[in-house]
Amino acid sequence: MVLDIGCGTENWLIRSVDRCAPGSVGIDPHLPDEFVGPSGVRGLVADVIPERMGTFDVATSLAVIEHLEPADRDAMFADARRLLRPDGLLVLTTPSPRSKPILEFLAYRLHVISEHEIRDHRAYYSLEELRDFLGSCGFVVESSSTFQIGLNQLVVARRPPDEGLE
């Protein structure tokens, strides 16, 4: 089962994997009524029902962390770790610090991407910061890399297999 944190307004990933990964859930504070139900939760990761703790094989956070204040970020990843089964994977993407001037130029000067989305970015993290942060949240980083000529980053981390549920 997949938990898509910050699934967006159409819950696209979960709707795409529904047949091969039944029980998957997308969660987003802005999820419209039409996508709220067993596979879509409007709210935060903490709003996923407690009975789901330790049941997800994979949690994704695709282009989400840069929009969060530090306290919200910390809480989100602590909750995600509890929702993952032992040995479950976290897949995280985020723009790199190198992308900031390019994104701002595209948004504020050329107006070809959403100004609102770029203004909502709270932080840009280096790979080292992401690895350190995830380690402090109880994850073991398995791989980290950049893509799109270094403008975006991908980190795959694992919840340790010997860790019990909290």
N, C-alpha and C. Protein backbone atom coordinates (compact mmCIF):
# COMPACT_ATOMS: atom_id res chain seq x y z
N MET A 1 0.83 -1.18 0.00
CA MET A 1 0.00 0.00 0.00
C MET A 1 0.88 1.24 0.00
N VAL A 2 0.36 2.29 -0.64
CA VAL A 2 1.09 3.55 -0.80
C VAL A 2 0.37 4.65 -0.02
N LEU A 3 1.13 5.49 0.66
CA LEU A 3 0.62 6.70 1.28
C LEU A 3 1.26 7.86 0.54
N ASP A 4 0.46 8.66 -0.16
CA ASP A 4 0.97 9.81 -0.90
C ASP A 4 0.69 11.07 -0.09
N ILE A 5 1.73 11.61 0.51
CA ILE A 5 1.63 12.79 1.37
C ILE A 5 1.70 14.03 0.49
N GLY A 6 0.65 14.85 0.56
CA GLY A 6 0.58 16.02 -0.31
C GLY A 6 0.19 15.61 -1.71
N CYS A 7 -0.85 14.79 -1.80
CA CYS A 7 -1.23 14.16 -3.07
C CYS A 7 -1.73 15.14 -4.13
N GLY A 8 -1.99 16.37 -3.75
CA GLY A 8 -2.51 17.34 -4.70
C GLY A 8 -4.02 17.24 -4.82
N THR A 9 -4.57 18.15 -5.57
CA THR A 9 -6.03 18.27 -5.61
C THR A 9 -6.73 17.18 -6.42
N GLU A 10 -5.98 16.36 -7.14
CA GLU A 10 -6.62 15.29 -7.92
C GLU A 10 -6.24 13.89 -7.45
N ASN A 11 -5.40 13.79 -6.44
CA ASN A 11 -4.99 12.48 -5.89
C ASN A 11 -4.57 11.54 -7.02
N TRP A 12 -3.81 12.07 -7.96
CA TRP A 12 -3.47 11.37 -9.20
C TRP A 12 -2.69 10.07 -8.94
N LEU A 13 -1.66 10.11 -8.10
CA LEU A 13 -0.84 8.91 -7.89
C LEU A 13 -1.66 7.76 -7.34
N ILE A 14 -2.47 8.02 -6.33
CA ILE A 14 -3.24 6.95 -5.71
C ILE A 14 -4.30 6.43 -6.67
N ARG A 15 -4.92 7.31 -7.42
CA ARG A 15 -5.90 6.83 -8.41
C ARG A 15 -5.21 5.99 -9.47
N SER A 16 -3.93 6.24 -9.73
CA SER A 16 -3.18 5.48 -10.73
C SER A 16 -2.77 4.10 -10.23
N VAL A 17 -2.48 3.97 -8.93
CA VAL A 17 -1.99 2.69 -8.39
C VAL A 17 -3.08 1.88 -7.72
N ASP A 18 -4.30 2.38 -7.70
CA ASP A 18 -5.39 1.76 -6.95
C ASP A 18 -5.57 0.28 -7.27
N ARG A 19 -5.48 -0.11 -8.53
CA ARG A 19 -5.72 -1.51 -8.91
C ARG A 19 -4.60 -2.44 -8.47
N CYS A 20 -3.36 -1.94 -8.46
CA CYS A 20 -2.25 -2.81 -8.08
C CYS A 20 -1.85 -2.65 -6.62
N ALA A 21 -2.33 -1.62 -5.96
CA ALA A 21 -2.01 -1.40 -4.55
C ALA A 21 -3.26 -0.96 -3.80
N PRO A 22 -4.25 -1.87 -3.69
CA PRO A 22 -5.49 -1.50 -3.00
C PRO A 22 -5.21 -1.11 -1.55
N GLY A 23 -6.01 -0.18 -1.05
CA GLY A 23 -5.84 0.30 0.31
C GLY A 23 -4.93 1.51 0.40
N SER A 24 -4.39 1.96 -0.73
CA SER A 24 -3.51 3.13 -0.75
C SER A 24 -4.32 4.39 -0.46
N VAL A 25 -3.62 5.40 0.07
CA VAL A 25 -4.29 6.63 0.49
C VAL A 25 -3.47 7.84 0.07
N GLY A 26 -4.15 8.84 -0.46
CA GLY A 26 -3.55 10.15 -0.70
C GLY A 26 -4.07 11.12 0.34
N ILE A 27 -3.22 12.00 0.80
CA ILE A 27 -3.63 12.96 1.82
C ILE A 27 -3.14 14.35 1.45
N ASP A 28 -4.05 15.32 1.57
CA ASP A 28 -3.71 16.70 1.23
C ASP A 28 -4.72 17.61 1.92
N PRO A 29 -4.27 18.72 2.50
CA PRO A 29 -5.22 19.62 3.17
C PRO A 29 -6.19 20.29 2.20
N HIS A 30 -5.88 20.26 0.91
CA HIS A 30 -6.73 20.93 -0.09
C HIS A 30 -7.47 19.95 -0.98
N LEU A 31 -7.59 18.70 -0.58
CA LEU A 31 -8.25 17.69 -1.40
C LEU A 31 -9.73 18.04 -1.55
N PRO A 32 -10.23 18.15 -2.79
CA PRO A 32 -11.64 18.50 -2.99
C PRO A 32 -12.58 17.36 -2.57
N ASP A 33 -13.82 17.72 -2.28
CA ASP A 33 -14.82 16.75 -1.84
C ASP A 33 -14.90 15.52 -2.74
N GLU A 34 -14.78 15.73 -4.05
CA GLU A 34 -14.96 14.61 -4.99
C GLU A 34 -13.90 13.52 -4.84
N PHE A 35 -12.76 13.83 -4.21
CA PHE A 35 -11.71 12.83 -4.02
C PHE A 35 -11.56 12.38 -2.58
N VAL A 36 -12.39 12.90 -1.68
CA VAL A 36 -12.35 12.47 -0.28
C VAL A 36 -13.12 11.16 -0.15
N GLY A 37 -12.53 10.19 0.50
CA GLY A 37 -13.16 8.88 0.68
C GLY A 37 -12.12 7.91 1.18
N PRO A 38 -12.33 6.62 0.96
CA PRO A 38 -11.37 5.62 1.47
C PRO A 38 -9.95 5.81 0.95
N SER A 39 -9.80 6.34 -0.27
CA SER A 39 -8.46 6.51 -0.81
C SER A 39 -8.01 7.96 -0.84
N GLY A 40 -8.76 8.85 -0.22
CA GLY A 40 -8.38 10.25 -0.17
C GLY A 40 -8.80 10.90 1.13
N VAL A 41 -7.84 11.51 1.83
CA VAL A 41 -8.09 12.17 3.10
C VAL A 41 -7.76 13.65 2.96
N ARG A 42 -8.71 14.50 3.32
CA ARG A 42 -8.42 15.94 3.37
C ARG A 42 -7.86 16.22 4.75
N GLY A 43 -6.62 16.66 4.80
CA GLY A 43 -6.02 16.97 6.08
C GLY A 43 -4.53 16.75 6.07
N LEU A 44 -4.00 16.44 7.23
CA LEU A 44 -2.57 16.24 7.43
C LEU A 44 -2.29 14.76 7.67
N VAL A 45 -1.02 14.39 7.65
CA VAL A 45 -0.65 12.99 7.84
C VAL A 45 -1.20 12.48 9.17
N ALA A 46 -1.21 13.33 10.18
CA ALA A 46 -1.72 12.92 11.49
C ALA A 46 -3.20 12.56 11.44
N ASP A 47 -3.92 12.99 10.38
CA ASP A 47 -5.34 12.69 10.26
C ASP A 47 -5.63 11.29 9.72
N VAL A 48 -4.60 10.59 9.23
CA VAL A 48 -4.81 9.21 8.78
C VAL A 48 -5.14 8.39 10.02
N ILE A 49 -6.16 7.57 9.93
CA ILE A 49 -6.68 6.88 11.11
C ILE A 49 -5.61 6.02 11.79
N PRO A 50 -5.62 6.02 13.13
CA PRO A 50 -4.59 5.30 13.88
C PRO A 50 -4.49 3.81 13.53
N GLU A 51 -5.59 3.20 13.12
CA GLU A 51 -5.54 1.78 12.78
C GLU A 51 -4.62 1.52 11.59
N ARG A 52 -4.26 2.55 10.85
CA ARG A 52 -3.39 2.39 9.69
C ARG A 52 -1.91 2.45 10.06
N MET A 53 -1.59 2.67 11.33
CA MET A 53 -0.19 2.75 11.74
C MET A 53 0.54 1.46 11.36
N GLY A 54 1.70 1.63 10.75
CA GLY A 54 2.53 0.50 10.40
C GLY A 54 2.00 -0.35 9.27
N THR A 55 1.11 0.18 8.43
CA THR A 55 0.52 -0.64 7.37
C THR A 55 0.97 -0.29 5.96
N PHE A 56 1.60 0.85 5.77
CA PHE A 56 1.96 1.26 4.41
C PHE A 56 3.35 0.75 4.03
N ASP A 57 3.47 0.28 2.80
CA ASP A 57 4.75 -0.20 2.28
C ASP A 57 5.63 0.95 1.82
N VAL A 58 5.00 1.98 1.25
CA VAL A 58 5.71 3.12 0.69
C VAL A 58 4.97 4.39 1.04
N ALA A 59 5.71 5.42 1.42
CA ALA A 59 5.15 6.76 1.58
C ALA A 59 5.89 7.66 0.59
N THR A 60 5.15 8.47 -0.14
CA THR A 60 5.75 9.42 -1.06
C THR A 60 5.48 10.83 -0.57
N SER A 61 6.44 11.71 -0.80
CA SER A 61 6.30 13.13 -0.53
C SER A 61 6.97 13.83 -1.70
N LEU A 62 6.18 14.10 -2.72
CA LEU A 62 6.71 14.61 -3.98
C LEU A 62 6.47 16.12 -4.08
N ALA A 63 7.56 16.88 -3.99
CA ALA A 63 7.51 18.35 -4.06
C ALA A 63 6.59 18.92 -2.98
N VAL A 64 6.79 18.48 -1.74
CA VAL A 64 5.97 18.93 -0.61
C VAL A 64 6.82 19.63 0.45
N ILE A 65 7.94 19.05 0.83
CA ILE A 65 8.70 19.51 1.99
C ILE A 65 9.08 20.99 1.90
N GLU A 66 9.30 21.50 0.70
CA GLU A 66 9.70 22.90 0.54
C GLU A 66 8.59 23.88 0.91
N HIS A 67 7.37 23.39 1.02
CA HIS A 67 6.22 24.23 1.37
C HIS A 67 5.92 24.27 2.86
N LEU A 68 6.69 23.53 3.66
CA LEU A 68 6.37 23.36 5.07
C LEU A 68 7.27 24.18 5.99
N GLU A 69 6.66 24.69 7.05
CA GLU A 69 7.45 25.30 8.13
C GLU A 69 8.17 24.17 8.86
N PRO A 70 9.31 24.45 9.48
CA PRO A 70 10.07 23.37 10.14
C PRO A 70 9.26 22.51 11.12
N ALA A 71 8.44 23.11 11.95
CA ALA A 71 7.66 22.31 12.92
C ALA A 71 6.67 21.39 12.20
N ASP A 72 6.04 21.88 11.14
CA ASP A 72 5.11 21.06 10.37
C ASP A 72 5.84 19.94 9.64
N ARG A 73 7.01 20.25 9.11
CA ARG A 73 7.84 19.26 8.42
C ARG A 73 8.22 18.14 9.38
N ASP A 74 8.68 18.50 10.56
CA ASP A 74 9.11 17.50 11.55
C ASP A 74 7.94 16.60 11.94
N ALA A 75 6.79 17.20 12.19
CA ALA A 75 5.60 16.41 12.56
C ALA A 75 5.17 15.49 11.42
N MET A 76 5.22 15.99 10.19
CA MET A 76 4.79 15.18 9.05
C MET A 76 5.65 13.92 8.91
N PHE A 77 6.97 14.08 9.03
CA PHE A 77 7.84 12.92 8.84
C PHE A 77 7.80 11.97 10.03
N ALA A 78 7.56 12.48 11.23
CA ALA A 78 7.38 11.59 12.38
C ALA A 78 6.12 10.75 12.19
N ASP A 79 5.03 11.38 11.73
CA ASP A 79 3.80 10.64 11.46
C ASP A 79 3.97 9.67 10.31
N ALA A 80 4.67 10.08 9.26
CA ALA A 80 4.89 9.18 8.13
C ALA A 80 5.67 7.94 8.56
N ARG A 81 6.66 8.13 9.41
CA ARG A 81 7.45 6.98 9.90
C ARG A 81 6.56 6.01 10.66
N ARG A 82 5.66 6.53 11.49
CA ARG A 82 4.75 5.65 12.24
C ARG A 82 3.77 4.92 11.32
N LEU A 83 3.39 5.54 10.22
CA LEU A 83 2.44 4.90 9.31
C LEU A 83 3.10 3.84 8.44
N LEU A 84 4.40 3.96 8.22
CA LEU A 84 5.11 2.95 7.43
C LEU A 84 5.32 1.68 8.25
N ARG A 85 5.21 0.55 7.57
CA ARG A 85 5.55 -0.71 8.23
C ARG A 85 7.06 -0.74 8.43
N PRO A 86 7.54 -1.53 9.38
CA PRO A 86 8.99 -1.68 9.50
C PRO A 86 9.56 -2.15 8.16
N ASP A 87 10.64 -1.53 7.76
CA ASP A 87 11.31 -1.78 6.48
C ASP A 87 10.62 -1.08 5.30
N GLY A 88 9.58 -0.27 5.58
CA GLY A 88 8.89 0.47 4.52
C GLY A 88 9.74 1.62 4.00
N LEU A 89 9.43 2.06 2.78
CA LEU A 89 10.22 3.09 2.10
C LEU A 89 9.54 4.45 2.09
N LEU A 90 10.34 5.49 2.19
CA LEU A 90 9.91 6.86 1.98
C LEU A 90 10.60 7.36 0.72
N VAL A 91 9.82 7.91 -0.22
CA VAL A 91 10.36 8.48 -1.45
C VAL A 91 10.04 9.97 -1.41
N LEU A 92 11.08 10.79 -1.44
CA LEU A 92 10.95 12.23 -1.28
C LEU A 92 11.59 12.94 -2.46
N THR A 93 10.89 13.93 -3.03
CA THR A 93 11.50 14.82 -4.02
C THR A 93 11.30 16.25 -3.55
N THR A 94 12.23 17.11 -3.95
CA THR A 94 12.15 18.53 -3.63
C THR A 94 13.10 19.29 -4.54
N PRO A 95 12.79 20.55 -4.84
CA PRO A 95 13.74 21.35 -5.62
C PRO A 95 15.03 21.57 -4.83
N SER A 96 16.14 21.66 -5.53
CA SER A 96 17.42 21.94 -4.88
C SER A 96 17.59 23.45 -4.70
N PRO A 97 18.51 23.87 -3.84
CA PRO A 97 18.78 25.31 -3.71
C PRO A 97 19.16 25.96 -5.04
N ARG A 98 19.79 25.18 -5.90
CA ARG A 98 20.20 25.68 -7.22
C ARG A 98 18.99 26.12 -8.07
N SER A 99 17.82 25.56 -7.80
CA SER A 99 16.63 25.87 -8.61
C SER A 99 15.96 27.18 -8.21
N LYS A 100 16.24 27.68 -7.02
CA LYS A 100 15.52 28.85 -6.50
C LYS A 100 15.54 30.04 -7.47
N PRO A 101 16.70 30.52 -7.94
CA PRO A 101 16.66 31.69 -8.83
C PRO A 101 15.94 31.41 -10.16
N ILE A 102 16.04 30.19 -10.62
CA ILE A 102 15.37 29.83 -11.88
C ILE A 102 13.86 29.80 -11.69
N LEU A 103 13.40 29.18 -10.61
CA LEU A 103 11.96 29.14 -10.33
C LEU A 103 11.41 30.54 -10.13
N GLU A 104 12.14 31.36 -9.39
CA GLU A 104 11.68 32.73 -9.17
C GLU A 104 11.63 33.54 -10.46
N PHE A 105 12.61 33.37 -11.32
CA PHE A 105 12.60 34.04 -12.63
C PHE A 105 11.40 33.59 -13.46
N LEU A 106 11.17 32.29 -13.51
CA LEU A 106 10.04 31.76 -14.28
C LEU A 106 8.69 32.23 -13.73
N ALA A 107 8.61 32.36 -12.41
CA ALA A 107 7.36 32.76 -11.78
C ALA A 107 7.15 34.27 -11.80
N TYR A 108 8.15 35.03 -11.38
CA TYR A 108 7.97 36.46 -11.15
C TYR A 108 8.24 37.32 -12.38
N ARG A 109 9.10 36.86 -13.26
CA ARG A 109 9.44 37.66 -14.45
C ARG A 109 8.70 37.17 -15.69
N LEU A 110 8.74 35.87 -15.93
CA LEU A 110 8.12 35.34 -17.15
C LEU A 110 6.67 34.92 -16.94
N HIS A 111 6.28 34.69 -15.69
CA HIS A 111 4.91 34.29 -15.34
C HIS A 111 4.46 33.01 -16.07
N VAL A 112 5.39 32.06 -16.19
CA VAL A 112 5.05 30.80 -16.86
C VAL A 112 4.80 29.67 -15.86
N ILE A 113 5.10 29.90 -14.59
CA ILE A 113 4.73 28.97 -13.53
C ILE A 113 4.06 29.77 -12.43
N SER A 114 3.41 29.10 -11.53
CA SER A 114 2.60 29.74 -10.50
C SER A 114 3.43 30.56 -9.51
N GLU A 115 3.18 31.87 -9.47
CA GLU A 115 3.83 32.73 -8.48
C GLU A 115 3.44 32.28 -7.07
N HIS A 116 2.18 31.95 -6.90
CA HIS A 116 1.68 31.53 -5.59
C HIS A 116 2.47 30.31 -5.07
N GLU A 117 2.67 29.32 -5.93
CA GLU A 117 3.40 28.11 -5.51
C GLU A 117 4.84 28.43 -5.13
N ILE A 118 5.49 29.29 -5.89
CA ILE A 118 6.90 29.62 -5.61
C ILE A 118 7.00 30.48 -4.35
N ARG A 119 6.09 31.42 -4.17
CA ARG A 119 6.10 32.25 -2.95
C ARG A 119 5.84 31.38 -1.71
N ASP A 120 5.17 30.26 -1.89
CA ASP A 120 4.85 29.37 -0.78
C ASP A 120 6.04 28.50 -0.36
N HIS A 121 7.13 28.52 -1.12
CA HIS A 121 8.32 27.74 -0.74
C HIS A 121 8.92 28.35 0.52
N ARG A 122 9.04 27.53 1.56
CA ARG A 122 9.58 27.98 2.84
C ARG A 122 11.08 27.73 2.94
N ALA A 123 11.58 26.72 2.22
CA ALA A 123 13.00 26.37 2.31
C ALA A 123 13.41 25.55 1.10
N TYR A 124 14.69 25.65 0.77
CA TYR A 124 15.31 24.79 -0.23
C TYR A 124 16.40 24.03 0.50
N TYR A 125 16.40 22.71 0.37
CA TYR A 125 17.31 21.85 1.13
C TYR A 125 18.37 21.26 0.23
N SER A 126 19.59 21.17 0.75
CA SER A 126 20.64 20.43 0.06
C SER A 126 20.43 18.94 0.32
N LEU A 127 21.07 18.10 -0.48
CA LEU A 127 20.99 16.66 -0.22
C LEU A 127 21.54 16.31 1.15
N GLU A 128 22.60 16.97 1.55
CA GLU A 128 23.17 16.70 2.88
C GLU A 128 22.17 17.04 3.98
N GLU A 129 21.49 18.17 3.85
CA GLU A 129 20.48 18.55 4.84
C GLU A 129 19.34 17.54 4.87
N LEU A 130 18.91 17.07 3.70
CA LEU A 130 17.83 16.08 3.65
C LEU A 130 18.25 14.77 4.30
N ARG A 131 19.47 14.32 4.00
CA ARG A 131 19.98 13.08 4.61
C ARG A 131 20.05 13.22 6.13
N ASP A 132 20.60 14.34 6.60
CA ASP A 132 20.72 14.57 8.05
C ASP A 132 19.34 14.63 8.70
N PHE A 133 18.43 15.37 8.07
CA PHE A 133 17.09 15.53 8.63
C PHE A 133 16.38 14.18 8.71
N LEU A 134 16.39 13.42 7.64
CA LEU A 134 15.70 12.13 7.64
C LEU A 134 16.33 11.17 8.65
N GLY A 135 17.63 11.23 8.78
CA GLY A 135 18.29 10.42 9.80
C GLY A 135 17.82 10.79 11.20
N SER A 136 17.65 12.08 11.44
CA SER A 136 17.19 12.52 12.76
C SER A 136 15.73 12.14 13.01
N CYS A 137 15.00 11.84 11.94
CA CYS A 137 13.59 11.41 12.07
C CYS A 137 13.48 9.89 12.19
N GLY A 138 14.60 9.19 12.22
CA GLY A 138 14.55 7.75 12.39
C GLY A 138 14.55 6.95 11.10
N PHE A 139 14.87 7.59 9.98
CA PHE A 139 14.97 6.88 8.70
C PHE A 139 16.42 6.56 8.39
N VAL A 140 16.64 5.52 7.61
CA VAL A 140 17.96 5.19 7.08
C VAL A 140 17.93 5.54 5.60
N VAL A 141 18.76 6.50 5.19
CA VAL A 141 18.77 6.93 3.79
C VAL A 141 19.46 5.87 2.96
N GLU A 142 18.76 5.39 1.95
CA GLU A 142 19.29 4.35 1.07
C GLU A 142 19.96 4.94 -0.16
N SER A 143 19.38 6.03 -0.69
CA SER A 143 19.98 6.69 -1.84
C SER A 143 19.52 8.13 -1.89
N SER A 144 20.37 8.96 -2.51
CA SER A 144 20.02 10.36 -2.72
C SER A 144 20.73 10.82 -3.98
N SER A 145 20.01 11.60 -4.78
CA SER A 145 20.59 12.07 -6.03
C SER A 145 19.83 13.29 -6.53
N THR A 146 20.43 13.94 -7.52
CA THR A 146 19.74 15.03 -8.17
C THR A 146 19.25 14.56 -9.54
N PHE A 147 18.29 15.28 -10.08
CA PHE A 147 17.82 15.03 -11.44
C PHE A 147 17.42 16.35 -12.06
N GLN A 148 17.13 16.35 -13.32
CA GLN A 148 16.83 17.57 -14.08
C GLN A 148 17.96 18.58 -13.90
N ILE A 149 19.13 18.19 -14.37
CA ILE A 149 20.39 18.94 -14.30
C ILE A 149 20.66 19.57 -12.93
N GLY A 150 20.34 18.82 -11.90
CA GLY A 150 20.64 19.24 -10.53
C GLY A 150 19.62 20.18 -9.91
N LEU A 151 18.51 20.42 -10.60
CA LEU A 151 17.50 21.36 -10.08
C LEU A 151 16.53 20.70 -9.11
N ASN A 152 16.42 19.40 -9.15
CA ASN A 152 15.54 18.65 -8.25
C ASN A 152 16.31 17.52 -7.61
N GLN A 153 15.77 17.01 -6.51
CA GLN A 153 16.45 15.99 -5.73
C GLN A 153 15.50 14.85 -5.40
N LEU A 154 16.07 13.68 -5.29
CA LEU A 154 15.33 12.48 -4.92
C LEU A 154 16.06 11.80 -3.78
N VAL A 155 15.32 11.49 -2.73
CA VAL A 155 15.89 10.74 -1.60
C VAL A 155 14.97 9.56 -1.33
N VAL A 156 15.56 8.38 -1.19
CA VAL A 156 14.82 7.18 -0.80
C VAL A 156 15.38 6.75 0.55
N ALA A 157 14.48 6.63 1.52
CA ALA A 157 14.89 6.26 2.88
C ALA A 157 14.01 5.11 3.36
N ARG A 158 14.51 4.37 4.31
CA ARG A 158 13.81 3.19 4.83
C ARG A 158 13.56 3.34 6.33
N ARG A 159 12.38 2.93 6.76
CA ARG A 159 12.15 2.82 8.20
C ARG A 159 12.88 1.57 8.67
N PRO A 160 13.69 1.67 9.71
CA PRO A 160 14.45 0.49 10.15
C PRO A 160 13.55 -0.70 10.43
N PRO A 161 14.00 -1.90 10.03
CA PRO A 161 13.16 -3.09 10.16
C PRO A 161 12.95 -3.56 11.60
N ASP A 162 13.87 -3.22 12.49
CA ASP A 162 13.75 -3.71 13.85
C ASP A 162 13.02 -2.74 14.77
N GLU A 163 12.53 -1.66 14.23
CA GLU A 163 11.85 -0.65 15.04
C GLU A 163 10.41 -1.06 15.26
N GLY A 164 9.97 -1.06 16.48
CA GLY A 164 8.57 -1.38 16.78
C GLY A 164 7.65 -0.21 16.53
N LEU A 165 6.36 -0.46 16.50
CA LEU A 165 5.38 0.61 16.34
C LEU A 165 5.30 1.41 17.62
N GLU A 166 5.06 2.71 17.46
CA GLU A 166 4.97 3.58 18.64
C GLU A 166 3.53 3.77 19.03
